[in-house]
């Protein structure tokens, strides 16, 4: 067979040509130049990142006829024989096929003998974690006191399975997974040297599919060249890998932003026709959501798909992006458990649709439904009549113009007007500006049907006062991390929208004697807990169960529901 696969043809022959492991190259290069050589090395890392390659380069550096050097010549007989895999003093062992202790002892029996041709006898033991406990014990003594002409190089993808007694006798190097950019650059250099036409976007697909392994990338490159009849086109590479065009992920996220289940299922049906890798599609969704989250916080960090990411960043709130990311991350496992991958993907997307954060519409557009009407608002989002009344009461209060100082006394003596017929407020009557207090704020936050950091910030704020269009709040110091420019801006926009007037928030981190809504809810939960425990303590049936089964109460597990 005259053709040599790319993974073998382009295997690095020197430290300089090695891709993606600068920390290992630097350490070994300095050690060789300074003569600080160790008798045993352990290279660990995922498959295809260069463990065996580095071991062979190190063997050449130790046995080059021109002397021990960081850059072996590559032209002497020793270097060429090592590259060809026939150097007599480089003993390569596959530990997976030599797990018996008798085989290990037979291997180590030759350790005391001097090398036949080279300067060092190098033992390269691949996948050393596959050795049995007895084999490790047999290797241990030799590793501790090896002859001066022997160098052991151990390679493993699972260093946790190597005994610590062996690890402690080796110089350890953890090889890193290669970045997609590093893989893409190397593939580009190889294709240019091989005179094979390609498009850069096809290399992006291969680099992502390689998952940090250069060997996997070169194997996939060989497949792609054959599939594309000597050239690389993104559509053909995508068909080979079973990946889906990123445009489908964009369409899915647009359907989620619109809240359209019909569009979601239609997009999944179109994707199904391409016989895709659904697991890869979910990974692509995760990538897109990550890019959107980056754009919302650090726009300059985005380098790919800028237009699509920018558009989706405007349609999706940060809370939605974070929630969708977590659902997709957890849903990856469900694809393998679902009856079919398509069914698993559809349930994952429908879960995103069902649990997406609910934003409230402006108070003017919310209509309190009659008893005979549907409990859902016309916008399709759930509503709470009491919450709407609270919003209306606060909107009317904040819309009141500040009175001149000389009119304050007269205003305070005026009788509060009665609410219009059929329009009650949570406090029983509408109030003027001076009546705005922590109680009203608590009612507002309690009935606010949304989620995320914005609501969390509101729950930990205590209303202080109003000055013109400014609303002043105290923020619990324990929740200071919730106060960011983004959450403050979204809370301010929500209040402006709900109250129908422009307001500015002034939030100061400080303790106060007033309880925040979050503290009130916590107090209410604790009170319910105490009541529930007292009821159980007096219940004859519960006492009988404790005596019969020798049971005991688990603390803080008994709670009353809202109607108890």
Protein backbone atom coordinates (compact mmCIF):
# COMPACT_ATOMS: atom_id res chain seq x y z
CA UNK A 1 0.00 0.00 0.00
CA UNK A 2 1.72 3.15 -1.23
CA UNK A 3 -0.59 5.73 0.37
CA UNK A 4 0.34 6.84 3.88
CA UNK A 5 -2.45 8.25 6.02
CA UNK A 6 -2.10 11.88 7.07
CA UNK A 7 -1.92 11.04 10.78
CA UNK A 8 1.29 9.06 10.16
CA UNK A 9 2.72 11.20 7.39
CA UNK A 10 2.39 14.41 9.38
CA UNK A 11 3.33 13.05 12.81
CA UNK A 12 5.77 15.58 14.36
CA UNK A 13 9.41 14.53 14.19
CA UNK A 14 10.75 17.26 16.49
CA UNK A 15 9.65 19.42 19.41
CA UNK A 16 9.47 22.46 17.13
CA UNK A 17 6.85 20.84 14.89
CA UNK A 18 4.68 19.73 17.83
CA UNK A 19 1.34 21.54 18.08
CA UNK A 20 -0.41 22.65 21.25
CA UNK A 21 1.84 21.49 24.13
CA UNK A 22 4.25 24.40 24.79
CA UNK A 23 4.50 23.72 28.53
CA UNK A 24 5.77 20.17 27.95
CA UNK A 25 8.12 21.18 25.12
CA UNK A 26 9.67 23.94 27.21
CA UNK A 27 10.29 21.70 30.23
CA UNK A 28 11.81 18.87 28.19
CA UNK A 29 13.89 21.22 26.05
CA UNK A 30 15.41 22.93 29.08
CA UNK A 31 16.07 19.59 30.77
CA UNK A 32 17.88 18.23 27.71
CA UNK A 33 19.97 21.37 27.22
CA UNK A 34 20.97 21.50 30.90
CA UNK A 35 21.53 17.76 31.27
CA UNK A 36 18.88 17.44 34.00
CA UNK A 37 17.45 14.13 32.83
CA UNK A 38 14.96 12.06 34.81
CA UNK A 39 14.88 8.27 34.72
CA UNK A 40 11.05 8.04 34.41
CA UNK A 41 8.45 10.26 32.72
CA UNK A 42 4.66 10.02 32.77
CA UNK A 43 2.64 11.67 29.98
CA UNK A 44 -1.13 11.81 30.56
CA UNK A 45 -3.94 13.25 28.49
CA UNK A 46 -6.81 12.37 26.19
CA UNK A 47 -6.29 10.37 23.00
CA UNK A 48 -4.49 11.94 20.10
CA UNK A 49 -2.82 14.90 21.84
CA UNK A 50 0.81 13.73 21.39
CA UNK A 51 1.79 11.44 24.27
CA UNK A 52 3.46 8.74 22.17
CA UNK A 53 4.81 11.32 19.72
CA UNK A 54 6.59 13.25 22.49
CA UNK A 55 7.95 9.98 23.88
CA UNK A 56 9.52 9.09 20.51
CA UNK A 57 10.99 12.58 20.07
CA UNK A 58 12.47 12.30 23.56
CA UNK A 59 13.93 8.88 22.66
CA UNK A 60 15.55 10.47 19.58
CA UNK A 61 16.92 13.33 21.67
CA UNK A 62 18.53 10.84 24.07
CA UNK A 63 19.99 8.60 21.34
CA UNK A 64 20.88 10.97 18.51
CA UNK A 65 24.37 10.17 17.20
CA UNK A 66 25.26 13.87 17.41
CA UNK A 67 24.75 13.82 21.18
CA UNK A 68 22.00 14.48 23.69
CA UNK A 69 20.24 17.57 22.38
CA UNK A 70 16.84 19.27 22.47
CA UNK A 71 16.56 19.09 18.68
CA UNK A 72 17.65 15.68 17.33
CA UNK A 73 19.14 15.81 13.85
CA UNK A 74 16.57 13.47 12.30
CA UNK A 75 19.15 12.30 9.72
CA UNK A 76 21.38 9.88 11.60
CA UNK A 77 20.63 6.17 11.56
CA UNK A 78 19.35 6.18 15.15
CA UNK A 79 16.86 9.00 14.50
CA UNK A 80 15.65 7.43 11.26
CA UNK A 81 15.22 4.01 12.85
CA UNK A 82 13.22 5.50 15.72
CA UNK A 83 10.98 7.33 13.21
CA UNK A 84 10.51 4.07 11.30
CA UNK A 85 9.72 2.14 14.51
CA UNK A 86 12.59 -0.35 14.27
CA UNK A 87 15.18 1.01 16.72
CA UNK A 88 16.37 -1.91 18.81
CA UNK A 89 16.83 0.12 22.03
CA UNK A 90 13.32 1.64 21.95
CA UNK A 91 11.04 -0.99 23.45
CA UNK A 92 7.40 -0.06 22.97
CA UNK A 93 4.89 -1.97 25.11
CA UNK A 94 1.11 -1.93 24.96
CA UNK A 95 0.09 -2.43 28.59
CA UNK A 96 -3.46 -3.37 27.57
CA UNK A 97 -2.14 -6.57 25.95
CA UNK A 98 0.49 -7.32 28.63
CA UNK A 99 -1.47 -7.18 31.85
CA UNK A 100 -0.12 -10.41 33.38
CA UNK A 101 2.64 -10.10 35.94
CA UNK A 102 4.69 -12.85 34.22
CA UNK A 103 4.87 -10.74 31.05
CA UNK A 104 5.95 -7.68 33.03
CA UNK A 105 8.69 -9.62 34.82
CA UNK A 106 9.95 -11.02 31.50
CA UNK A 107 10.11 -7.46 30.18
CA UNK A 108 12.02 -6.16 33.20
CA UNK A 109 14.51 -9.02 33.17
CA UNK A 110 16.33 -7.30 30.28
CA UNK A 111 16.55 -3.92 32.02
CA UNK A 112 20.04 -4.49 33.54
CA UNK A 113 21.62 -5.21 30.14
CA UNK A 114 23.28 -2.33 28.32
CA UNK A 115 21.73 -0.87 25.16
CA UNK A 116 22.69 -2.56 21.90
CA UNK A 117 23.15 0.51 19.68
CA UNK A 118 22.00 3.65 21.37
CA UNK A 119 23.03 5.65 24.40
CA UNK A 120 19.90 4.82 26.41
CA UNK A 121 17.54 1.89 26.46
CA UNK A 122 14.09 3.53 26.39
CA UNK A 123 10.99 1.65 27.59
CA UNK A 124 7.80 3.23 26.25
CA UNK A 125 4.78 1.72 28.05
CA UNK A 126 1.51 2.91 26.50
CA UNK A 127 -1.79 2.85 28.42
CA UNK A 128 0.11 1.94 31.56
CA UNK A 129 -3.06 2.21 33.68
CA UNK A 130 -4.09 -1.20 32.22
CA UNK A 131 -1.36 -2.97 34.21
CA UNK A 132 -2.58 -5.24 37.00
CA UNK A 133 -1.70 -4.53 40.62
CA UNK A 134 0.94 -7.29 40.51
CA UNK A 135 2.47 -5.81 37.35
CA UNK A 136 2.71 -2.40 38.99
CA UNK A 137 4.39 -3.97 42.00
CA UNK A 138 6.90 -5.66 39.71
CA UNK A 139 7.61 -2.34 37.96
CA UNK A 140 7.88 -0.37 41.19
CA UNK A 141 11.32 -1.53 42.34
CA UNK A 142 12.84 -0.97 38.90
CA UNK A 143 11.39 2.55 38.72
CA UNK A 144 12.85 3.36 42.10
CA UNK A 145 16.44 2.26 41.34
CA UNK A 146 16.86 1.90 37.56
CA UNK A 147 20.25 1.37 35.86
CA UNK A 148 21.80 4.61 34.57
CA UNK A 149 21.36 3.57 30.93
CA UNK A 150 17.56 3.10 31.15
CA UNK A 151 14.74 5.64 30.71
CA UNK A 152 11.10 4.75 31.32
CA UNK A 153 8.36 6.71 29.52
CA UNK A 154 4.82 5.90 30.63
CA UNK A 155 1.74 7.12 28.75
CA UNK A 156 -1.87 6.97 29.95
CA UNK A 157 -5.29 8.42 29.29
CA UNK A 158 -6.39 7.69 32.87
CA UNK A 159 -3.72 8.73 35.41
CA UNK A 160 -6.16 8.24 38.32
CA UNK A 161 -5.80 4.48 37.86
CA UNK A 162 -2.03 4.57 38.21
CA UNK A 163 -0.91 3.86 41.82
CA UNK A 164 0.43 6.87 43.66
CA UNK A 165 3.59 4.92 44.45
CA UNK A 166 4.31 4.80 40.71
CA UNK A 167 3.28 8.42 40.14
CA UNK A 168 5.65 9.62 42.85
CA UNK A 169 8.62 8.06 41.05
CA UNK A 170 7.89 9.75 37.71
CA UNK A 171 8.21 13.24 36.31
CA UNK A 172 4.57 13.94 35.37
CA UNK A 173 3.28 15.99 32.43
CA UNK A 174 -0.41 16.59 31.76
CA UNK A 175 -0.97 17.14 28.04
CA UNK A 176 -3.80 19.54 27.18
CA UNK A 177 -6.62 19.12 24.72
CA UNK A 178 -5.89 21.12 21.61
CA UNK A 179 -7.94 24.24 20.92
CA UNK A 180 -10.07 24.31 17.74
CA UNK A 181 -7.96 27.25 16.52
CA UNK A 182 -4.75 25.21 16.87
CA UNK A 183 -6.26 22.24 15.05
CA UNK A 184 -7.66 24.45 12.28
CA UNK A 185 -4.27 26.14 11.71
CA UNK A 186 -2.47 22.79 11.47
CA UNK A 187 -5.07 21.36 9.07
CA UNK A 188 -4.72 24.45 6.91
CA UNK A 189 -0.91 24.04 6.74
CA UNK A 190 -1.25 20.37 5.82
CA UNK A 191 -3.82 21.00 3.07
CA UNK A 192 -1.71 23.77 1.57
CA UNK A 193 1.33 21.48 1.56
CA UNK A 194 -0.74 18.68 -0.02
CA UNK A 195 -2.21 21.09 -2.64
CA UNK A 196 -5.78 20.18 -1.72
CA UNK A 197 -8.42 22.93 -2.23
CA UNK A 198 -10.53 23.76 0.80
CA UNK A 199 -12.79 26.34 2.42
CA UNK A 200 -11.94 27.60 5.91
CA UNK A 201 -15.45 26.98 7.23
CA UNK A 202 -15.04 23.26 6.46
CA UNK A 203 -11.92 23.23 8.67
CA UNK A 204 -13.97 24.78 11.49
CA UNK A 205 -16.34 21.80 11.30
CA UNK A 206 -13.49 19.30 11.42
CA UNK A 207 -11.74 21.11 14.28
CA UNK A 208 -14.92 21.09 16.36
CA UNK A 209 -15.61 17.42 15.60
CA UNK A 210 -12.04 16.43 16.60
CA UNK A 211 -12.82 17.40 20.21
CA UNK A 212 -9.26 18.42 21.09
CA UNK A 213 -7.49 15.48 19.40
CA UNK A 214 -5.09 16.18 16.54
CA UNK A 215 -5.02 12.52 15.52
CA UNK A 216 -8.82 12.45 15.29
CA UNK A 217 -8.71 15.65 13.26
CA UNK A 218 -6.28 14.14 10.75
CA UNK A 219 -8.34 10.95 10.49
CA UNK A 220 -11.47 13.02 9.83
CA UNK A 221 -9.52 15.08 7.30
CA UNK A 222 -8.61 11.90 5.42
CA UNK A 223 -12.28 10.90 5.38
CA UNK A 224 -13.41 14.33 4.23
CA UNK A 225 -10.89 14.41 1.37
CA UNK A 226 -12.11 11.03 0.15
CA UNK A 227 -15.77 11.99 0.56
CA UNK A 228 -15.28 15.27 -1.30
CA UNK A 229 -13.26 13.68 -4.13
CA UNK A 230 -10.11 15.61 -3.33
CA UNK A 231 -11.55 18.89 -2.03
CA UNK A 232 -13.24 20.21 1.12
CA UNK A 233 -16.64 21.90 0.86
CA UNK A 234 -18.60 22.78 4.04
CA UNK A 235 -21.84 21.15 2.87
CA UNK A 236 -20.10 17.86 2.13
CA UNK A 237 -18.10 17.92 5.37
CA UNK A 238 -21.30 18.60 7.27
CA UNK A 239 -23.01 15.66 5.56
CA UNK A 240 -20.04 13.42 6.38
CA UNK A 241 -20.03 14.39 10.06
CA UNK A 242 -23.81 14.36 10.42
CA UNK A 243 -23.74 17.92 11.74
CA UNK A 244 -26.46 20.47 11.08
CA UNK A 245 -26.00 23.92 9.61
CA UNK A 246 -25.78 26.51 12.38
CA UNK A 247 -28.66 28.33 10.74
CA UNK A 248 -30.98 25.66 12.17
CA UNK A 249 -29.84 26.51 15.71
CA UNK A 250 -30.53 30.17 14.97
CA UNK A 251 -34.04 29.32 13.73
CA UNK A 252 -34.70 27.27 16.88
CA UNK A 253 -33.66 30.15 19.15
CA UNK A 254 -35.77 32.59 17.12
CA UNK A 255 -38.80 30.32 17.57
CA UNK A 256 -38.10 30.21 21.32
CA UNK A 257 -37.86 34.00 21.43
CA UNK A 258 -41.27 34.22 19.71
CA UNK A 259 -42.72 31.55 22.01
CA UNK A 260 -43.91 29.53 19.00
CA UNK A 261 -44.19 25.80 19.57
CA UNK A 262 -45.36 25.28 15.99
CA UNK A 263 -42.18 26.80 14.56
CA UNK A 264 -40.04 24.75 16.93
CA UNK A 265 -41.57 21.44 15.84
CA UNK A 266 -41.47 22.45 12.17
CA UNK A 267 -37.75 23.21 12.47
CA UNK A 268 -37.10 19.85 14.15
CA UNK A 269 -38.95 18.13 11.30
CA UNK A 270 -36.72 19.88 8.74
CA UNK A 271 -33.62 18.87 10.68
CA UNK A 272 -34.82 15.25 10.87
CA UNK A 273 -34.72 15.03 7.06
CA UNK A 274 -30.94 15.59 7.19
CA UNK A 275 -30.38 12.48 9.40
CA UNK A 276 -28.38 14.62 11.83
CA UNK A 277 -26.42 13.99 14.98
CA UNK A 278 -28.93 15.32 17.52
CA UNK A 279 -26.31 15.33 20.26
CA UNK A 280 -24.21 17.60 18.07
CA UNK A 281 -27.21 19.85 17.48
CA UNK A 282 -27.67 20.33 21.23
CA UNK A 283 -23.96 21.12 21.55
CA UNK A 284 -24.36 23.71 18.80
CA UNK A 285 -27.32 25.23 20.68
CA UNK A 286 -25.15 25.43 23.79
CA UNK A 287 -22.45 27.17 21.77
CA UNK A 288 -24.91 29.71 20.38
CA UNK A 289 -26.36 30.43 23.84
CA UNK A 290 -22.85 30.92 25.19
CA UNK A 291 -22.10 33.39 22.40
CA UNK A 292 -25.35 35.28 23.10
CA UNK A 293 -24.57 35.50 26.81
CA UNK A 294 -21.09 36.77 25.96
CA UNK A 295 -22.50 39.40 23.61
CA UNK A 296 -24.97 40.62 26.24
CA UNK A 297 -22.19 41.20 28.75
CA UNK A 298 -18.98 41.60 26.71
CA UNK A 299 -19.91 42.38 23.06
CA UNK A 300 -16.32 42.74 21.90
CA UNK A 301 -15.59 39.10 22.84
CA UNK A 302 -17.64 37.77 19.90
CA UNK A 303 -15.75 36.85 16.74
CA UNK A 304 -18.13 34.43 14.97
CA UNK A 305 -21.76 34.66 13.82
CA UNK A 306 -21.87 38.29 14.95
CA UNK A 307 -25.05 39.25 13.09
CA UNK A 308 -27.08 36.26 14.26
CA UNK A 309 -25.81 36.54 17.83
CA UNK A 310 -26.50 40.28 18.00
CA UNK A 311 -30.07 39.81 16.71
CA UNK A 312 -30.83 37.00 19.19
CA UNK A 313 -29.26 38.97 22.05
CA UNK A 314 -31.92 41.63 21.46
CA UNK A 315 -34.78 39.11 21.35
CA UNK A 316 -33.77 37.03 24.40
CA UNK A 317 -33.27 38.37 27.90
CA UNK A 318 -30.16 37.32 29.86
CA UNK A 319 -32.40 35.31 32.20
CA UNK A 320 -33.83 33.37 29.26
CA UNK A 321 -30.38 32.69 27.84
CA UNK A 322 -29.09 31.33 31.16
CA UNK A 323 -32.19 29.20 31.67
CA UNK A 324 -32.06 27.74 28.14
CA UNK A 325 -28.37 26.96 28.58
CA UNK A 326 -29.01 25.01 31.78
CA UNK A 327 -31.95 23.12 30.26
CA UNK A 328 -29.89 22.18 27.19
CA UNK A 329 -26.93 21.16 29.36
CA UNK A 330 -29.06 18.88 31.51
CA UNK A 331 -31.07 17.67 28.52
CA UNK A 332 -28.03 16.18 26.78
CA UNK A 333 -28.34 13.08 28.95
CA UNK A 334 -32.05 12.76 28.11
CA UNK A 335 -31.30 12.21 24.41
CA UNK A 336 -29.75 8.83 25.17
CA UNK A 337 -32.63 7.86 27.47
CA UNK A 338 -35.47 8.97 25.17
CA UNK A 339 -37.23 6.40 22.91
CA UNK A 340 -35.77 8.24 19.90
CA UNK A 341 -33.26 11.11 19.66
CA UNK A 342 -35.85 13.29 17.90
CA UNK A 343 -38.35 12.78 20.71
CA UNK A 344 -35.68 13.70 23.26
CA UNK A 345 -34.81 16.88 21.33
CA UNK A 346 -38.46 17.90 21.02
CA UNK A 347 -39.03 17.44 24.77
CA UNK A 348 -35.90 19.47 25.51
CA UNK A 349 -37.13 22.37 23.35
CA UNK A 350 -40.68 22.17 24.69
CA UNK A 351 -39.24 22.29 28.20
CA UNK A 352 -37.47 25.53 27.29
CA UNK A 353 -40.76 26.87 25.97
CA UNK A 354 -42.72 25.84 29.05
CA UNK A 355 -40.29 27.22 31.62
CA UNK A 356 -39.17 30.39 29.90
CA UNK A 357 -39.30 33.49 32.17
CA UNK A 358 -42.64 35.33 32.04
CA UNK A 359 -42.43 39.09 31.63
CA UNK A 360 -45.40 41.26 32.62
CA UNK A 361 -47.00 43.68 30.20
CA UNK A 362 -47.67 47.34 31.05
CA UNK A 363 -50.49 47.88 33.54
CA UNK A 364 -52.67 49.67 30.98
CA UNK A 365 -52.72 46.62 28.70
CA UNK A 366 -53.67 44.16 31.44
CA UNK A 367 -57.34 43.48 31.87
CA UNK A 368 -58.69 41.85 35.02
CA UNK A 369 -60.70 38.84 33.77
CA UNK A 370 -64.26 38.29 34.89
CA UNK A 371 -65.22 35.14 36.77
CA UNK A 372 -66.49 33.57 33.57
CA UNK A 373 -63.42 34.46 31.54
CA UNK A 374 -60.23 32.48 31.08
CA UNK A 375 -57.62 32.75 33.84
CA UNK A 376 -55.01 33.52 31.20
CA UNK A 377 -54.24 37.03 29.99
CA UNK A 378 -54.80 37.96 26.36
CA UNK A 379 -51.02 37.99 25.89
CA UNK A 380 -50.85 34.29 26.80
CA UNK A 381 -48.99 34.94 30.05
CA UNK A 382 -50.45 34.14 33.42
CA UNK A 383 -51.78 37.08 35.41
CA UNK A 384 -52.81 37.72 38.98
CA UNK A 385 -55.70 40.13 39.51
CA UNK A 386 -54.41 41.20 42.87
CA UNK A 387 -51.01 41.84 41.37
CA UNK A 388 -52.59 43.97 38.63
CA UNK A 389 -54.40 46.03 41.24
CA UNK A 390 -51.13 46.53 43.09
CA UNK A 391 -49.47 47.73 39.90
CA UNK A 392 -52.39 50.06 39.17
CA UNK A 393 -52.30 51.46 42.69
CA UNK A 394 -48.58 52.14 42.50
CA UNK A 395 -48.87 53.59 39.01
CA UNK A 396 -51.56 56.05 40.14
CA UNK A 397 -49.52 56.90 43.23
CA UNK A 398 -46.31 57.55 41.33
CA UNK A 399 -48.14 59.53 38.65
CA UNK A 400 -49.23 62.04 41.31
CA UNK A 401 -47.39 65.35 40.90
CA UNK A 402 -45.32 66.48 43.91
CA UNK A 403 -47.13 69.25 45.78
CA UNK A 404 -45.48 72.52 46.78
CA UNK A 405 -44.30 72.68 50.38
CA UNK A 406 -47.05 75.09 51.38
CA UNK A 407 -49.74 72.65 50.14
CA UNK A 408 -48.45 69.58 52.02
CA UNK A 409 -50.43 70.33 55.17
CA UNK A 410 -53.63 70.83 53.22
CA UNK A 411 -53.09 67.64 51.28
CA UNK A 412 -52.47 65.63 54.43
CA UNK A 413 -55.74 66.89 55.91
CA UNK A 414 -57.75 65.99 52.84
CA UNK A 415 -59.70 62.81 52.99
CA UNK A 416 -58.27 60.09 50.77
CA UNK A 417 -60.54 59.61 47.75
CA UNK A 418 -62.39 56.37 47.45
CA UNK A 419 -61.40 54.03 44.65
CA UNK A 420 -63.52 53.94 41.58
CA UNK A 421 -66.28 51.39 41.56
CA UNK A 422 -64.99 47.90 40.78
CA UNK A 423 -61.34 48.97 41.10
CA UNK A 424 -59.99 48.11 44.55
CA UNK A 425 -56.33 48.25 45.63
CA UNK A 426 -54.48 45.75 47.79
CA UNK A 427 -54.40 48.26 50.62
CA UNK A 428 -58.10 49.03 50.39
CA UNK A 429 -57.93 52.54 48.91
CA UNK A 430 -55.82 54.59 46.51
CA UNK A 431 -53.10 56.68 48.10
CA UNK A 432 -51.21 59.85 47.33
CA UNK A 433 -47.46 60.23 46.93
CA UNK A 434 -46.74 60.48 50.65
CA UNK A 435 -48.38 57.08 51.26
CA UNK A 436 -45.85 55.13 49.16
CA UNK A 437 -44.14 52.80 51.63
CA UNK A 438 -42.40 49.48 52.14
CA UNK A 439 -45.78 47.73 52.47
CA UNK A 440 -46.82 48.73 48.97
CA UNK A 441 -43.40 47.68 47.63
CA UNK A 442 -43.74 44.31 49.32
CA UNK A 443 -47.18 43.78 47.71
CA UNK A 444 -45.78 44.81 44.33
CA UNK A 445 -42.86 42.35 44.46
CA UNK A 446 -44.91 39.48 45.89
CA UNK A 447 -47.36 39.58 42.97
CA UNK A 448 -44.75 40.18 40.29
CA UNK A 449 -44.82 37.08 38.07
CA UNK A 450 -41.34 36.93 36.60
CA UNK A 451 -38.11 35.16 37.44
CA UNK A 452 -34.39 35.62 37.30
CA UNK A 453 -31.90 38.07 38.78
CA UNK A 454 -34.14 41.08 38.25
CA UNK A 455 -36.87 39.73 40.54
CA UNK A 456 -34.25 38.53 43.01
CA UNK A 457 -32.86 42.08 43.19
CA UNK A 458 -36.36 43.50 43.76
CA UNK A 459 -37.07 40.95 46.51
CA UNK A 460 -34.02 42.06 48.50
CA UNK A 461 -34.74 45.80 48.19
CA UNK A 462 -36.53 47.83 50.90
CA UNK A 463 -38.37 50.98 49.78
CA UNK A 464 -37.01 54.12 51.47
CA UNK A 465 -38.49 57.26 49.89
CA UNK A 466 -39.30 59.07 46.68
CA UNK A 467 -37.79 62.34 45.54
CA UNK A 468 -39.43 63.59 42.36
CA UNK A 469 -38.96 60.82 39.79
CA UNK A 470 -36.32 59.09 41.90
CA UNK A 471 -37.19 55.99 43.93
CA UNK A 472 -34.74 55.31 46.75
CA UNK A 473 -34.15 51.79 48.10
CA UNK A 474 -31.97 50.01 50.60
CA UNK A 475 -30.39 46.72 49.44
CA UNK A 476 -29.60 43.94 51.90
CA UNK A 477 -25.75 43.71 52.06
CA UNK A 478 -26.02 39.91 51.82
CA UNK A 479 -27.51 40.32 48.33
CA UNK A 480 -25.04 42.92 47.05
CA UNK A 481 -23.88 40.58 44.26
CA UNK A 482 -27.32 40.94 42.62
CA UNK A 483 -26.77 44.66 42.05
CA UNK A 484 -25.25 45.03 38.60
CA UNK A 485 -25.76 47.66 35.96
CA UNK A 486 -27.74 45.17 33.88
CA UNK A 487 -30.15 44.05 36.64
CA UNK A 488 -30.68 47.61 37.87
CA UNK A 489 -31.42 48.78 34.33
CA UNK A 490 -33.92 45.95 33.72
CA UNK A 491 -35.67 46.59 37.05
CA UNK A 492 -35.90 50.29 36.23
CA UNK A 493 -37.32 49.56 32.78
CA UNK A 494 -39.86 47.16 34.25
CA UNK A 495 -41.07 49.72 36.81
CA UNK A 496 -41.36 52.41 34.14
CA UNK A 497 -43.37 50.06 31.98
CA UNK A 498 -45.62 48.84 34.77
CA UNK A 499 -46.25 52.22 36.38
CA UNK A 500 -46.69 54.19 33.18
CA UNK A 501 -44.25 56.93 34.21
CA UNK A 502 -40.52 57.54 34.09
CA UNK A 503 -38.68 56.72 37.32
CA UNK A 504 -35.02 56.42 38.27
CA UNK A 505 -33.80 53.91 40.85
CA UNK A 506 -31.34 54.89 43.56
CA UNK A 507 -30.22 51.72 45.35
CA UNK A 508 -27.90 51.94 48.35
CA UNK A 509 -26.37 48.85 49.95
CA UNK A 510 -27.12 49.22 53.65
CA UNK A 511 -28.88 47.47 56.51
CA UNK A 512 -32.28 48.70 57.64
CA UNK A 513 -34.82 47.88 60.32
CA UNK A 514 -37.48 47.21 57.67
CA UNK A 515 -37.82 43.70 56.28
CA UNK A 516 -37.26 43.17 52.56
CA UNK A 517 -39.88 41.09 50.69
CA UNK A 518 -37.40 38.18 50.65
CA UNK A 519 -36.95 38.39 54.44
CA UNK A 520 -40.71 38.55 54.97
CA UNK A 521 -41.26 35.46 52.84
CA UNK A 522 -38.53 33.61 54.73
CA UNK A 523 -40.14 34.56 58.04
CA UNK A 524 -43.52 33.34 56.79
CA UNK A 525 -42.02 30.02 55.72
CA UNK A 526 -40.37 29.56 59.12
CA UNK A 527 -43.66 30.33 60.87
CA UNK A 528 -45.47 27.74 58.73
CA UNK A 529 -42.73 25.25 59.53
CA UNK A 530 -43.19 25.77 63.28
CA UNK A 531 -46.98 25.41 62.99
CA UNK A 532 -46.66 22.23 60.92
CA UNK A 533 -44.24 20.67 63.40
CA UNK A 534 -46.54 21.53 66.29
CA UNK A 535 -49.51 19.91 64.52
CA UNK A 536 -47.55 16.74 63.81
CA UNK A 537 -46.37 16.59 67.41
CA UNK A 538 -50.01 16.50 68.58
CA UNK A 539 -51.28 14.14 65.87
CA UNK A 540 -52.18 10.69 67.26
CA UNK A 541 -51.62 8.92 63.94
CA UNK A 542 -48.19 10.42 63.54
CA UNK A 543 -47.26 9.46 67.09
CA UNK A 544 -48.44 5.89 66.48
CA UNK A 545 -46.24 5.65 63.37
CA UNK A 546 -43.24 6.87 65.35
CA UNK A 547 -43.79 4.25 68.05
CA UNK A 548 -44.58 1.39 65.64
CA UNK A 549 -41.70 1.93 63.25
CA UNK A 550 -39.26 3.58 65.66
CA UNK A 551 -39.29 6.60 63.34
CA UNK A 552 -38.16 10.16 63.94
CA UNK A 553 -38.89 13.52 62.34
CA UNK A 554 -36.47 14.93 59.78
CA UNK A 555 -35.94 18.56 60.80
CA UNK A 556 -37.28 21.31 58.52
CA UNK A 557 -39.25 18.93 56.28
CA UNK A 558 -42.82 19.55 57.44
CA UNK A 559 -44.48 22.57 55.81
CA UNK A 560 -48.08 23.70 55.39
CA UNK A 561 -49.49 24.56 51.98
CA UNK A 562 -51.06 27.93 51.23
CA UNK A 563 -54.53 26.82 52.40
CA UNK A 564 -53.48 25.24 55.69
